[in-house]
Each structure stands twice: as structure tokens, then as C-alpha cells.
Amino acid sequence: SARHELNAVSHARILPETGEYKDYYLRHQKFHDALVSACPN
């Protein structure tokens, strides 16, 4: 899910003038957080 959401706004990563720019960074963090979310420590 996090990967799909990130891919949907990947084009906005280097476009700070767009509204999706902020979404990219939120979804980027969500993606990286999801990857490690099953770490028990």
C-alpha cells in the first residue's frame, strides 16, 4: 500500500512548486516506515 501511494506521486519529488510535493515526502516516510514496521524491537 505504501509503495503504491508513493509511486502515485513520485513525479512530484523534485517539483516543490506543486501541491503534491509535500505529499511525496509524507508518502516517502510512510513507505520507509512500512518497510520496518514489523521489526519487534
Full PDB file with SEQRES, HELIX, SHEET, SSBOND, CRYST1, ORIGX, SCALE, CONECT and MASTER records, all heavy atoms in Angstrom:
SEQRES   1 A   41  SER ALA ARG HIS GLU LEU ASN ALA VAL SER HIS ALA ARG          
SEQRES   2 A   41  ILE LEU PRO GLU THR GLY GLU TYR LYS ASP TYR TYR LEU          
SEQRES   3 A   41  ARG HIS GLN LYS PHE HIS ASP ALA LEU VAL SER ALA CYS          
SEQRES   4 A   41  PRO ASN                                                      
HELIX    1 AA1 ALA A    2  ALA A    8  1                                   7    
HELIX    2 AA2 SER A   10  ILE A   14  5                                   5    
HELIX    3 AA3 GLU A   20  VAL A   36  1                                  17    
CRYST1    1.000    1.000    1.000  90.00  90.00  90.00 P 1           1          
ORIGX1      1.000000  0.000000  0.000000        0.00000                         
ORIGX2      0.000000  1.000000  0.000000        0.00000                         
ORIGX3      0.000000  0.000000  1.000000        0.00000                         
SCALE1      1.000000  0.000000  0.000000        0.00000                         
SCALE2      0.000000  1.000000  0.000000        0.00000                         
SCALE3      0.000000  0.000000  1.000000        0.00000                         
ATOM      1  N   SER A   1       0.826  -1.209   0.000  1.00  0.00           N  
ATOM      2  CA  SER A   1       0.000   0.000   0.000  1.00  0.00           C  
ATOM      3  C   SER A   1       0.862   1.262   0.000  1.00  0.00           C  
ATOM      4  O   SER A   1       0.631   2.192  -0.774  1.00  0.00           O  
ATOM      5  CB  SER A   1      -0.929  -0.021   1.216  1.00  0.00           C  
ATOM      6  OG  SER A   1      -1.637   1.191   1.311  1.00  0.00           O  
ATOM      7  N   ALA A   2       1.867   1.282   0.867  1.00  0.00           N  
ATOM      8  CA  ALA A   2       2.738   2.459   0.961  1.00  0.00           C  
ATOM      9  C   ALA A   2       3.508   2.657  -0.340  1.00  0.00           C  
ATOM     10  O   ALA A   2       3.694   3.797  -0.799  1.00  0.00           O  
ATOM     11  CB  ALA A   2       3.692   2.310   2.144  1.00  0.00           C  
ATOM     12  N   ARG A   3       3.955   1.566  -0.954  1.00  0.00           N  
ATOM     13  CA  ARG A   3       4.666   1.675  -2.232  1.00  0.00           C  
ATOM     14  C   ARG A   3       3.744   2.239  -3.308  1.00  0.00           C  
ATOM     15  O   ARG A   3       4.134   3.121  -4.067  1.00  0.00           O  
ATOM     16  CB  ARG A   3       5.215   0.321  -2.679  1.00  0.00           C  
ATOM     17  CG  ARG A   3       5.817   0.441  -4.086  1.00  0.00           C  
ATOM     18  CD  ARG A   3       6.515  -0.761  -4.586  1.00  0.00           C  
ATOM     19  NE  ARG A   3       5.697  -1.940  -4.685  1.00  0.00           N  
ATOM     20  CZ  ARG A   3       6.151  -3.087  -5.171  1.00  0.00           C  
ATOM     21  NH1 ARG A   3       7.404  -3.196  -5.567  1.00  0.00           N  
ATOM     22  NH2 ARG A   3       5.385  -4.131  -5.235  1.00  0.00           N  
ATOM     23  N   HIS A   4       2.534   1.751  -3.368  1.00  0.00           N  
ATOM     24  CA  HIS A   4       1.577   2.217  -4.367  1.00  0.00           C  
ATOM     25  C   HIS A   4       1.304   3.716  -4.192  1.00  0.00           C  
ATOM     26  O   HIS A   4       1.285   4.473  -5.172  1.00  0.00           O  
ATOM     27  CB  HIS A   4       0.283   1.404  -4.270  1.00  0.00           C  
ATOM     28  CG  HIS A   4      -0.727   1.781  -5.284  1.00  0.00           C  
ATOM     29  ND1 HIS A   4      -0.591   1.479  -6.625  1.00  0.00           N  
ATOM     30  CD2 HIS A   4      -1.891   2.464  -5.167  1.00  0.00           C  
ATOM     31  CE1 HIS A   4      -1.626   1.944  -7.287  1.00  0.00           C  
ATOM     32  NE2 HIS A   4      -2.433   2.552  -6.434  1.00  0.00           N  
ATOM     33  N   GLU A   5       1.087   4.140  -2.955  1.00  0.00           N  
ATOM     34  CA  GLU A   5       0.839   5.552  -2.682  1.00  0.00           C  
ATOM     35  C   GLU A   5       2.047   6.406  -3.063  1.00  0.00           C  
ATOM     36  O   GLU A   5       1.888   7.506  -3.606  1.00  0.00           O  
ATOM     37  CB  GLU A   5       0.509   5.758  -1.202  1.00  0.00           C  
ATOM     38  CG  GLU A   5      -0.849   5.234  -0.804  1.00  0.00           C  
ATOM     39  CD  GLU A   5      -1.148   5.454   0.666  1.00  0.00           C  
ATOM     40  OE1 GLU A   5      -0.514   6.323   1.298  1.00  0.00           O  
ATOM     41  OE2 GLU A   5      -2.035   4.755   1.190  1.00  0.00           O  
ATOM     42  N   LEU A   6       3.249   5.936  -2.770  1.00  0.00           N  
ATOM     43  CA  LEU A   6       4.461   6.679  -3.105  1.00  0.00           C  
ATOM     44  C   LEU A   6       4.636   6.769  -4.617  1.00  0.00           C  
ATOM     45  O   LEU A   6       4.929   7.844  -5.155  1.00  0.00           O  
ATOM     46  CB  LEU A   6       5.686   6.021  -2.458  1.00  0.00           C  
ATOM     47  CG  LEU A   6       7.034   6.680  -2.722  1.00  0.00           C  
ATOM     48  CD1 LEU A   6       7.047   8.125  -2.219  1.00  0.00           C  
ATOM     49  CD2 LEU A   6       8.143   5.868  -2.069  1.00  0.00           C  
ATOM     50  N   ASN A   7       4.453   5.664  -5.312  1.00  0.00           N  
ATOM     51  CA  ASN A   7       4.610   5.670  -6.764  1.00  0.00           C  
ATOM     52  C   ASN A   7       3.628   6.628  -7.445  1.00  0.00           C  
ATOM     53  O   ASN A   7       3.942   7.214  -8.475  1.00  0.00           O  
ATOM     54  CB  ASN A   7       4.461   4.262  -7.339  1.00  0.00           C  
ATOM     55  CG  ASN A   7       5.686   3.406  -7.103  1.00  0.00           C  
ATOM     56  OD1 ASN A   7       6.768   3.902  -6.805  1.00  0.00           O  
ATOM     57  ND2 ASN A   7       5.517   2.094  -7.218  1.00  0.00           N  
ATOM     58  N   ALA A   8       2.459   6.796  -6.844  1.00  0.00           N  
ATOM     59  CA  ALA A   8       1.444   7.672  -7.427  1.00  0.00           C  
ATOM     60  C   ALA A   8       1.876   9.140  -7.468  1.00  0.00           C  
ATOM     61  O   ALA A   8       1.381   9.907  -8.292  1.00  0.00           O  
ATOM     62  CB  ALA A   8       0.130   7.534  -6.659  1.00  0.00           C  
ATOM     63  N   VAL A   9       2.792   9.523  -6.587  1.00  0.00           N  
ATOM     64  CA  VAL A   9       3.241  10.925  -6.556  1.00  0.00           C  
ATOM     65  C   VAL A   9       4.749  11.048  -6.779  1.00  0.00           C  
ATOM     66  O   VAL A   9       5.332  12.099  -6.500  1.00  0.00           O  
ATOM     67  CB  VAL A   9       2.847  11.628  -5.240  1.00  0.00           C  
ATOM     68  CG1 VAL A   9       1.337  11.756  -5.122  1.00  0.00           C  
ATOM     69  CG2 VAL A   9       3.444  10.928  -4.035  1.00  0.00           C  
ATOM     70  N   SER A  10       5.374  10.011  -7.296  1.00  0.00           N  
ATOM     71  CA  SER A  10       6.835  10.028  -7.441  1.00  0.00           C  
ATOM     72  C   SER A  10       7.308  11.159  -8.342  1.00  0.00           C  
ATOM     73  O   SER A  10       8.408  11.688  -8.142  1.00  0.00           O  
ATOM     74  CB  SER A  10       7.354   8.683  -7.937  1.00  0.00           C  
ATOM     75  OG  SER A  10       6.873   8.428  -9.233  1.00  0.00           O  
ATOM     76  N   HIS A  11       6.505  11.556  -9.297  1.00  0.00           N  
ATOM     77  CA  HIS A  11       6.889  12.642 -10.205  1.00  0.00           C  
ATOM     78  C   HIS A  11       7.045  13.986  -9.486  1.00  0.00           C  
ATOM     79  O   HIS A  11       7.749  14.872  -9.958  1.00  0.00           O  
ATOM     80  CB  HIS A  11       5.833  12.783 -11.310  1.00  0.00           C  
ATOM     81  CG  HIS A  11       4.493  13.174 -10.771  1.00  0.00           C  
ATOM     82  ND1 HIS A  11       3.634  12.245 -10.208  1.00  0.00           N  
ATOM     83  CD2 HIS A  11       3.893  14.375 -10.665  1.00  0.00           C  
ATOM     84  CE1 HIS A  11       2.550  12.866  -9.793  1.00  0.00           C  
ATOM     85  NE2 HIS A  11       2.679  14.151 -10.054  1.00  0.00           N  
ATOM     86  N   ALA A  12       6.420  14.141  -8.328  1.00  0.00           N  
ATOM     87  CA  ALA A  12       6.429  15.416  -7.599  1.00  0.00           C  
ATOM     88  C   ALA A  12       7.652  15.574  -6.705  1.00  0.00           C  
ATOM     89  O   ALA A  12       7.846  16.631  -6.104  1.00  0.00           O  
ATOM     90  CB  ALA A  12       5.157  15.541  -6.770  1.00  0.00           C  
ATOM     91  N   ARG A  13       8.499  14.569  -6.640  1.00  0.00           N  
ATOM     92  CA  ARG A  13       9.648  14.577  -5.731  1.00  0.00           C  
ATOM     93  C   ARG A  13      10.551  15.779  -5.917  1.00  0.00           C  
ATOM     94  O   ARG A  13      11.083  16.324  -4.948  1.00  0.00           O  
ATOM     95  CB  ARG A  13      10.443  13.285  -5.918  1.00  0.00           C  
ATOM     96  CG  ARG A  13      11.619  13.130  -5.008  1.00  0.00           C  
ATOM     97  CD  ARG A  13      12.264  11.770  -5.210  1.00  0.00           C  
ATOM     98  NE  ARG A  13      12.640  11.535  -6.589  1.00  0.00           N  
ATOM     99  CZ  ARG A  13      13.758  11.985  -7.152  1.00  0.00           C  
ATOM    100  NH1 ARG A  13      14.609  12.676  -6.439  1.00  0.00           N  
ATOM    101  NH2 ARG A  13      14.028  11.730  -8.405  1.00  0.00           N  
ATOM    102  N   ILE A  14      10.726  16.216  -7.135  1.00  0.00           N  
ATOM    103  CA  ILE A  14      11.620  17.351  -7.382  1.00  0.00           C  
ATOM    104  C   ILE A  14      10.852  18.567  -7.919  1.00  0.00           C  
ATOM    105  O   ILE A  14      11.424  19.436  -8.581  1.00  0.00           O  
ATOM    106  CB  ILE A  14      12.766  16.969  -8.334  1.00  0.00           C  
ATOM    107  CG1 ILE A  14      12.236  16.465  -9.662  1.00  0.00           C  
ATOM    108  CG2 ILE A  14      13.691  15.944  -7.681  1.00  0.00           C  
ATOM    109  CD1 ILE A  14      13.310  16.295 -10.725  1.00  0.00           C  
ATOM    110  N   LEU A  15       9.579  18.647  -7.608  1.00  0.00           N  
ATOM    111  CA  LEU A  15       8.758  19.765  -8.077  1.00  0.00           C  
ATOM    112  C   LEU A  15       8.151  20.514  -6.890  1.00  0.00           C  
ATOM    113  O   LEU A  15       6.961  20.389  -6.605  1.00  0.00           O  
ATOM    114  CB  LEU A  15       7.643  19.249  -9.000  1.00  0.00           C  
ATOM    115  CG  LEU A  15       8.092  18.482 -10.242  1.00  0.00           C  
ATOM    116  CD1 LEU A  15       6.907  17.847 -10.937  1.00  0.00           C  
ATOM    117  CD2 LEU A  15       8.861  19.404 -11.181  1.00  0.00           C  
ATOM    118  N   PRO A  16       8.953  21.316  -6.187  1.00  0.00           N  
ATOM    119  CA  PRO A  16       8.461  21.978  -4.976  1.00  0.00           C  
ATOM    120  C   PRO A  16       7.312  22.944  -5.220  1.00  0.00           C  
ATOM    121  O   PRO A  16       6.582  23.274  -4.286  1.00  0.00           O  
ATOM    122  CB  PRO A  16       9.688  22.706  -4.422  1.00  0.00           C  
ATOM    123  CG  PRO A  16      10.642  22.791  -5.541  1.00  0.00           C  
ATOM    124  CD  PRO A  16      10.340  21.643  -6.465  1.00  0.00           C  
ATOM    125  N   GLU A  17       7.102  23.356  -6.475  1.00  0.00           N  
ATOM    126  CA  GLU A  17       6.021  24.291  -6.756  1.00  0.00           C  
ATOM    127  C   GLU A  17       4.651  23.616  -6.836  1.00  0.00           C  
ATOM    128  O   GLU A  17       3.633  24.286  -6.913  1.00  0.00           O  
ATOM    129  CB  GLU A  17       6.314  25.065  -8.051  1.00  0.00           C  
ATOM    130  CG  GLU A  17       6.307  24.225  -9.314  1.00  0.00           C  
ATOM    131  CD  GLU A  17       7.610  23.464  -9.597  1.00  0.00           C  
ATOM    132  OE1 GLU A  17       8.566  23.561  -8.799  1.00  0.00           O  
ATOM    133  OE2 GLU A  17       7.659  22.749 -10.600  1.00  0.00           O  
ATOM    134  N   THR A  18       4.615  22.297  -6.768  1.00  0.00           N  
ATOM    135  CA  THR A  18       3.342  21.579  -6.867  1.00  0.00           C  
ATOM    136  C   THR A  18       2.800  21.241  -5.484  1.00  0.00           C  
ATOM    137  O   THR A  18       3.541  21.134  -4.516  1.00  0.00           O  
ATOM    138  CB  THR A  18       3.499  20.263  -7.654  1.00  0.00           C  
ATOM    139  OG1 THR A  18       4.304  19.368  -6.888  1.00  0.00           O  
ATOM    140  CG2 THR A  18       4.123  20.501  -9.021  1.00  0.00           C  
ATOM    141  N   GLY A  19       1.498  21.062  -5.424  1.00  0.00           N  
ATOM    142  CA  GLY A  19       0.856  20.659  -4.171  1.00  0.00           C  
ATOM    143  C   GLY A  19       1.213  19.240  -3.778  1.00  0.00           C  
ATOM    144  O   GLY A  19       1.140  18.885  -2.603  1.00  0.00           O  
ATOM    145  N   GLU A  20       1.598  18.426  -4.739  1.00  0.00           N  
ATOM    146  CA  GLU A  20       1.929  17.034  -4.454  1.00  0.00           C  
ATOM    147  C   GLU A  20       3.323  16.864  -3.846  1.00  0.00           C  
ATOM    148  O   GLU A  20       3.669  15.800  -3.367  1.00  0.00           O  
ATOM    149  CB  GLU A  20       1.835  16.197  -5.736  1.00  0.00           C  
ATOM    150  CG  GLU A  20       0.425  16.025  -6.235  1.00  0.00           C  
ATOM    151  CD  GLU A  20       0.380  15.210  -7.511  1.00  0.00           C  
ATOM    152  OE1 GLU A  20       1.213  15.459  -8.415  1.00  0.00           O  
ATOM    153  OE2 GLU A  20      -0.480  14.331  -7.596  1.00  0.00           O  
ATOM    154  N   TYR A  21       4.120  17.919  -3.873  1.00  0.00           N  
ATOM    155  CA  TYR A  21       5.479  17.857  -3.327  1.00  0.00           C  
ATOM    156  C   TYR A  21       5.463  17.433  -1.864  1.00  0.00           C  
ATOM    157  O   TYR A  21       6.193  16.531  -1.462  1.00  0.00           O  
ATOM    158  CB  TYR A  21       6.151  19.217  -3.505  1.00  0.00           C  
ATOM    159  CG  TYR A  21       7.565  19.314  -2.998  1.00  0.00           C  
ATOM    160  CD1 TYR A  21       8.609  18.720  -3.698  1.00  0.00           C  
ATOM    161  CD2 TYR A  21       7.867  20.011  -1.841  1.00  0.00           C  
ATOM    162  CE1 TYR A  21       9.921  18.822  -3.264  1.00  0.00           C  
ATOM    163  CE2 TYR A  21       9.182  20.118  -1.396  1.00  0.00           C  
ATOM    164  CZ  TYR A  21      10.197  19.521  -2.105  1.00  0.00           C  
ATOM    165  OH  TYR A  21      11.490  19.625  -1.656  1.00  0.00           O  
ATOM    166  N   LYS A  22       4.613  18.074  -1.076  1.00  0.00           N  
ATOM    167  CA  LYS A  22       4.501  17.713   0.348  1.00  0.00           C  
ATOM    168  C   LYS A  22       3.981  16.282   0.489  1.00  0.00           C  
ATOM    169  O   LYS A  22       4.455  15.528   1.338  1.00  0.00           O  
ATOM    170  CB  LYS A  22       3.592  18.683   1.079  1.00  0.00           C  
ATOM    171  CG  LYS A  22       3.496  18.413   2.564  1.00  0.00           C  
ATOM    172  CD  LYS A  22       2.636  19.439   3.269  1.00  0.00           C  
ATOM    173  CE  LYS A  22       2.547  19.133   4.751  1.00  0.00           C  
ATOM    174  NZ  LYS A  22       1.684  20.075   5.468  1.00  0.00           N  
ATOM    175  N   ASP A  23       3.027  15.906  -0.349  1.00  0.00           N  
ATOM    176  CA  ASP A  23       2.500  14.541  -0.316  1.00  0.00           C  
ATOM    177  C   ASP A  23       3.607  13.522  -0.571  1.00  0.00           C  
ATOM    178  O   ASP A  23       3.639  12.463   0.045  1.00  0.00           O  
ATOM    179  CB  ASP A  23       1.404  14.340  -1.371  1.00  0.00           C  
ATOM    180  CG  ASP A  23       0.098  14.981  -0.991  1.00  0.00           C  
ATOM    181  OD1 ASP A  23      -0.091  15.325   0.199  1.00  0.00           O  
ATOM    182  OD2 ASP A  23      -0.747  15.152  -1.891  1.00  0.00           O  
ATOM    183  N   TYR A  24       4.509  13.852  -1.493  1.00  0.00           N  
ATOM    184  CA  TYR A  24       5.597  12.923  -1.787  1.00  0.00           C  
ATOM    185  C   TYR A  24       6.393  12.625  -0.526  1.00  0.00           C  
ATOM    186  O   TYR A  24       6.670  11.466  -0.216  1.00  0.00           O  
ATOM    187  CB  TYR A  24       6.528  13.456  -2.886  1.00  0.00           C  
ATOM    188  CG  TYR A  24       7.721  12.546  -3.050  1.00  0.00           C  
ATOM    189  CD1 TYR A  24       7.624  11.397  -3.824  1.00  0.00           C  
ATOM    190  CD2 TYR A  24       8.908  12.763  -2.353  1.00  0.00           C  
ATOM    191  CE1 TYR A  24       8.689  10.512  -3.928  1.00  0.00           C  
ATOM    192  CE2 TYR A  24       9.980  11.884  -2.454  1.00  0.00           C  
ATOM    193  CZ  TYR A  24       9.856  10.763  -3.233  1.00  0.00           C  
ATOM    194  OH  TYR A  24      10.899   9.892  -3.313  1.00  0.00           O  
ATOM    195  N   TYR A  25       6.779  13.647   0.211  1.00  0.00           N  
ATOM    196  CA  TYR A  25       7.620  13.432   1.389  1.00  0.00           C  
ATOM    197  C   TYR A  25       6.876  12.712   2.505  1.00  0.00           C  
ATOM    198  O   TYR A  25       7.472  11.896   3.216  1.00  0.00           O  
ATOM    199  CB  TYR A  25       8.246  14.750   1.857  1.00  0.00           C  
ATOM    200  CG  TYR A  25       9.382  15.107   0.933  1.00  0.00           C  
ATOM    201  CD1 TYR A  25       9.201  15.983  -0.121  1.00  0.00           C  
ATOM    202  CD2 TYR A  25      10.610  14.473   1.061  1.00  0.00           C  
ATOM    203  CE1 TYR A  25      10.234  16.261  -1.005  1.00  0.00           C  
ATOM    204  CE2 TYR A  25      11.645  14.737   0.182  1.00  0.00           C  
ATOM    205  CZ  TYR A  25      11.449  15.629  -0.837  1.00  0.00           C  
ATOM    206  OH  TYR A  25      12.473  15.874  -1.716  1.00  0.00           O  
ATOM    207  N   LEU A  26       5.590  12.954   2.629  1.00  0.00           N  
ATOM    208  CA  LEU A  26       4.799  12.214   3.615  1.00  0.00           C  
ATOM    209  C   LEU A  26       4.695  10.745   3.220  1.00  0.00           C  
ATOM    210  O   LEU A  26       4.836   9.847   4.057  1.00  0.00           O  
ATOM    211  CB  LEU A  26       3.412  12.829   3.765  1.00  0.00           C  
ATOM    212  CG  LEU A  26       3.373  14.235   4.357  1.00  0.00           C  
ATOM    213  CD1 LEU A  26       1.954  14.816   4.274  1.00  0.00           C  
ATOM    214  CD2 LEU A  26       3.861  14.240   5.797  1.00  0.00           C  
ATOM    215  N   ARG A  27       4.456  10.504   1.945  1.00  0.00           N  
ATOM    216  CA  ARG A  27       4.342   9.123   1.465  1.00  0.00           C  
ATOM    217  C   ARG A  27       5.694   8.414   1.457  1.00  0.00           C  
ATOM    218  O   ARG A  27       5.761   7.208   1.671  1.00  0.00           O  
ATOM    219  CB  ARG A  27       3.701   9.099   0.084  1.00  0.00           C  
ATOM    220  CG  ARG A  27       2.244   9.529   0.143  1.00  0.00           C  
ATOM    221  CD  ARG A  27       1.607   9.564  -1.199  1.00  0.00           C  
ATOM    222  NE  ARG A  27       0.278  10.157  -1.134  1.00  0.00           N  
ATOM    223  CZ  ARG A  27      -0.582  10.112  -2.120  1.00  0.00           C  
ATOM    224  NH1 ARG A  27      -0.262   9.506  -3.258  1.00  0.00           N  
ATOM    225  NH2 ARG A  27      -1.766  10.672  -1.992  1.00  0.00           N  
ATOM    226  N   HIS A  28       6.763   9.166   1.217  1.00  0.00           N  
ATOM    227  CA  HIS A  28       8.105   8.601   1.275  1.00  0.00           C  
ATOM    228  C   HIS A  28       8.396   8.092   2.682  1.00  0.00           C  
ATOM    229  O   HIS A  28       8.879   6.969   2.869  1.00  0.00           O  
ATOM    230  CB  HIS A  28       9.130   9.669   0.847  1.00  0.00           C  
ATOM    231  CG  HIS A  28      10.529   9.183   0.830  1.00  0.00           C  
ATOM    232  ND1 HIS A  28      11.434   9.522   1.801  1.00  0.00           N  
ATOM    233  CD2 HIS A  28      11.184   8.377  -0.040  1.00  0.00           C  
ATOM    234  CE1 HIS A  28      12.589   8.947   1.524  1.00  0.00           C  
ATOM    235  NE2 HIS A  28      12.472   8.243   0.422  1.00  0.00           N  
ATOM    236  N   GLN A  29       8.084   8.898   3.671  1.00  0.00           N  
ATOM    237  CA  GLN A  29       8.295   8.474   5.055  1.00  0.00           C  
ATOM    238  C   GLN A  29       7.402   7.278   5.384  1.00  0.00           C  
ATOM    239  O   GLN A  29       7.849   6.320   6.021  1.00  0.00           O  
ATOM    240  CB  GLN A  29       8.012   9.617   6.028  1.00  0.00           C  
ATOM    241  CG  GLN A  29       8.258   9.215   7.469  1.00  0.00           C  
ATOM    242  CD  GLN A  29       8.124  10.373   8.442  1.00  0.00           C  
ATOM    243  OE1 GLN A  29       7.957  11.520   8.053  1.00  0.00           O  
ATOM    244  NE2 GLN A  29       8.209  10.065   9.717  1.00  0.00           N  
ATOM    245  N   LYS A  30       6.165   7.313   4.937  1.00  0.00           N  
ATOM    246  CA  LYS A  30       5.250   6.189   5.194  1.00  0.00           C  
ATOM    247  C   LYS A  30       5.788   4.894   4.577  1.00  0.00           C  
ATOM    248  O   LYS A  30       5.698   3.822   5.188  1.00  0.00           O  
ATOM    249  CB  LYS A  30       3.863   6.511   4.628  1.00  0.00           C  
ATOM    250  CG  LYS A  30       2.835   5.450   4.898  1.00  0.00           C  
ATOM    251  CD  LYS A  30       1.467   5.855   4.356  1.00  0.00           C  
ATOM    252  CE  LYS A  30       0.450   4.757   4.578  1.00  0.00           C  
ATOM    253  NZ  LYS A  30      -0.879   5.124   4.030  1.00  0.00           N  
ATOM    254  N   PHE A  31       6.368   4.989   3.395  1.00  0.00           N  
ATOM    255  CA  PHE A  31       6.938   3.815   2.736  1.00  0.00           C  
ATOM    256  C   PHE A  31       8.093   3.240   3.555  1.00  0.00           C  
ATOM    257  O   PHE A  31       8.122   2.037   3.854  1.00  0.00           O  
ATOM    258  CB  PHE A  31       7.415   4.178   1.317  1.00  0.00           C  
ATOM    259  CG  PHE A  31       8.205   3.088   0.651  1.00  0.00           C  
ATOM    260  CD1 PHE A  31       7.572   1.950   0.164  1.00  0.00           C  
ATOM    261  CD2 PHE A  31       9.583   3.190   0.504  1.00  0.00           C  
ATOM    262  CE1 PHE A  31       8.303   0.934  -0.447  1.00  0.00           C  
ATOM    263  CE2 PHE A  31      10.318   2.191  -0.110  1.00  0.00           C  
ATOM    264  CZ  PHE A  31       9.677   1.058  -0.589  1.00  0.00           C  
ATOM    265  N   HIS A  32       9.039   4.101   3.927  1.00  0.00           N  
ATOM    266  CA  HIS A  32      10.181   3.620   4.703  1.00  0.00           C  
ATOM    267  C   HIS A  32       9.743   3.103   6.080  1.00  0.00           C  
ATOM    268  O   HIS A  32      10.294   2.114   6.568  1.00  0.00           O  
ATOM    269  CB  HIS A  32      11.251   4.711   4.818  1.00  0.00           C  
ATOM    270  CG  HIS A  32      12.099   4.824   3.587  1.00  0.00           C  
ATOM    271  ND1 HIS A  32      13.184   4.007   3.360  1.00  0.00           N  
ATOM    272  CD2 HIS A  32      12.003   5.628   2.504  1.00  0.00           C  
ATOM    273  CE1 HIS A  32      13.724   4.311   2.191  1.00  0.00           C  
ATOM    274  NE2 HIS A  32      13.031   5.295   1.646  1.00  0.00           N  
ATOM    275  N   ASP A  33       8.757   3.740   6.676  1.00  0.00           N  
ATOM    276  CA  ASP A  33       8.228   3.267   7.959  1.00  0.00           C  
ATOM    277  C   ASP A  33       7.565   1.893   7.799  1.00  0.00           C  
ATOM    278  O   ASP A  33       7.723   1.018   8.655  1.00  0.00           O  
ATOM    279  CB  ASP A  33       7.214   4.251   8.542  1.00  0.00           C  
ATOM    280  CG  ASP A  33       7.834   5.538   9.068  1.00  0.00           C  
ATOM    281  OD1 ASP A  33       9.077   5.622   9.194  1.00  0.00           O  
ATOM    282  OD2 ASP A  33       7.057   6.479   9.348  1.00  0.00           O  
ATOM    283  N   ALA A  34       6.831   1.707   6.718  1.00  0.00           N  
ATOM    284  CA  ALA A  34       6.150   0.424   6.489  1.00  0.00           C  
ATOM    285  C   ALA A  34       7.161  -0.710   6.342  1.00  0.00           C  
ATOM    286  O   ALA A  34       6.948  -1.813   6.859  1.00  0.00           O  
ATOM    287  CB  ALA A  34       5.259   0.504   5.243  1.00  0.00           C  
ATOM    288  N   LEU A  35       8.254  -0.444   5.652  1.00  0.00           N  
ATOM    289  CA  LEU A  35       9.268  -1.483   5.458  1.00  0.00           C  
ATOM    290  C   LEU A  35       9.776  -2.051   6.776  1.00  0.00           C  
ATOM    291  O   LEU A  35      10.031  -3.242   6.888  1.00  0.00           O  
ATOM    292  CB  LEU A  35      10.459  -0.927   4.664  1.00  0.00           C  
ATOM    293  CG  LEU A  35      10.244  -0.714   3.178  1.00  0.00           C  
ATOM    294  CD1 LEU A  35      11.386   0.112   2.601  1.00  0.00           C  
ATOM    295  CD2 LEU A  35      10.106  -2.046   2.443  1.00  0.00           C  
ATOM    296  N   VAL A  36       9.922  -1.216   7.782  1.00  0.00           N  
ATOM    297  CA  VAL A  36      10.495  -1.648   9.058  1.00  0.00           C  
ATOM    298  C   VAL A  36       9.446  -1.880  10.130  1.00  0.00           C  
ATOM    299  O   VAL A  36       9.775  -2.203  11.270  1.00  0.00           O  
ATOM    300  CB  VAL A  36      11.561  -0.643   9.562  1.00  0.00           C  
ATOM    301  CG1 VAL A  36      12.696  -0.532   8.561  1.00  0.00           C  
ATOM    302  CG2 VAL A  36      10.948   0.710   9.867  1.00  0.00           C  
ATOM    303  N   SER A  37       8.181  -1.747   9.779  1.00  0.00           N  
ATOM    304  CA  SER A  37       7.107  -1.779  10.780  1.00  0.00           C  
ATOM    305  C   SER A  37       6.954  -3.110  11.507  1.00  0.00           C  
ATOM    306  O   SER A  37       6.370  -3.160  12.591  1.00  0.00           O  
ATOM    307  CB  SER A  37       5.771  -1.378  10.141  1.00  0.00           C  
ATOM    308  OG  SER A  37       5.393  -2.312   9.145  1.00  0.00           O  
ATOM    309  N   ALA A  38       7.479  -4.199  10.968  1.00  0.00           N  
ATOM    310  CA  ALA A  38       7.374  -5.494  11.644  1.00  0.00           C  
ATOM    311  C   ALA A  38       8.605  -5.792  12.507  1.00  0.00           C  
ATOM    312  O   ALA A  38       8.697  -6.876  13.096  1.00  0.00           O  
ATOM    313  CB  ALA A  38       7.156  -6.617  10.626  1.00  0.00           C  
ATOM    314  N   CYS A  39       9.514  -4.849  12.611  1.00  0.00           N  
ATOM    315  CA  CYS A  39      10.671  -5.028  13.499  1.00  0.00           C  
ATOM    316  C   CYS A  39      10.149  -5.037  14.937  1.00  0.00           C  
ATOM    317  O   CYS A  39       9.457  -4.110  15.353  1.00  0.00           O  
ATOM    318  CB  CYS A  39      11.673  -3.890  13.298  1.00  0.00           C  
ATOM    319  SG  CYS A  39      13.065  -3.938  14.452  1.00  0.00           S  
ATOM    320  N   PRO A  40      10.441  -6.078  15.692  1.00  0.00           N  
ATOM    321  CA  PRO A  40       9.872  -6.195  17.039  1.00  0.00           C  
ATOM    322  C   PRO A  40      10.576  -5.366  18.111  1.00  0.00           C  
ATOM    323  O   PRO A  40      10.098  -5.279  19.233  1.00  0.00           O  
ATOM    324  CB  PRO A  40      10.012  -7.691  17.345  1.00  0.00           C  
ATOM    325  CG  PRO A  40      11.212  -8.114  16.564  1.00  0.00           C  
ATOM    326  CD  PRO A  40      11.198  -7.281  15.314  1.00  0.00           C  
ATOM    327  N   ASN A  41      11.690  -4.736  17.772  1.00  0.00           N  
ATOM    328  CA  ASN A  41      12.470  -4.017  18.771  1.00  0.00           C  
ATOM    329  C   ASN A  41      12.127  -2.529  18.744  1.00  0.00           C  
ATOM    330  O   ASN A  41      12.555  -1.787  17.852  1.00  0.00           O  
ATOM    331  CB  ASN A  41      13.966  -4.230  18.522  1.00  0.00           C  
ATOM    332  CG  ASN A  41      14.831  -3.690  19.635  1.00  0.00           C  
ATOM    333  OD1 ASN A  41      14.617  -2.584  20.124  1.00  0.00           O  
ATOM    334  ND2 ASN A  41      15.818  -4.472  20.030  1.00  0.00           N  
TER     335      ASN A  41                                                      
MASTER        0    0    0    3    0    0    0    6  334    1    0    4          
END                                                                             
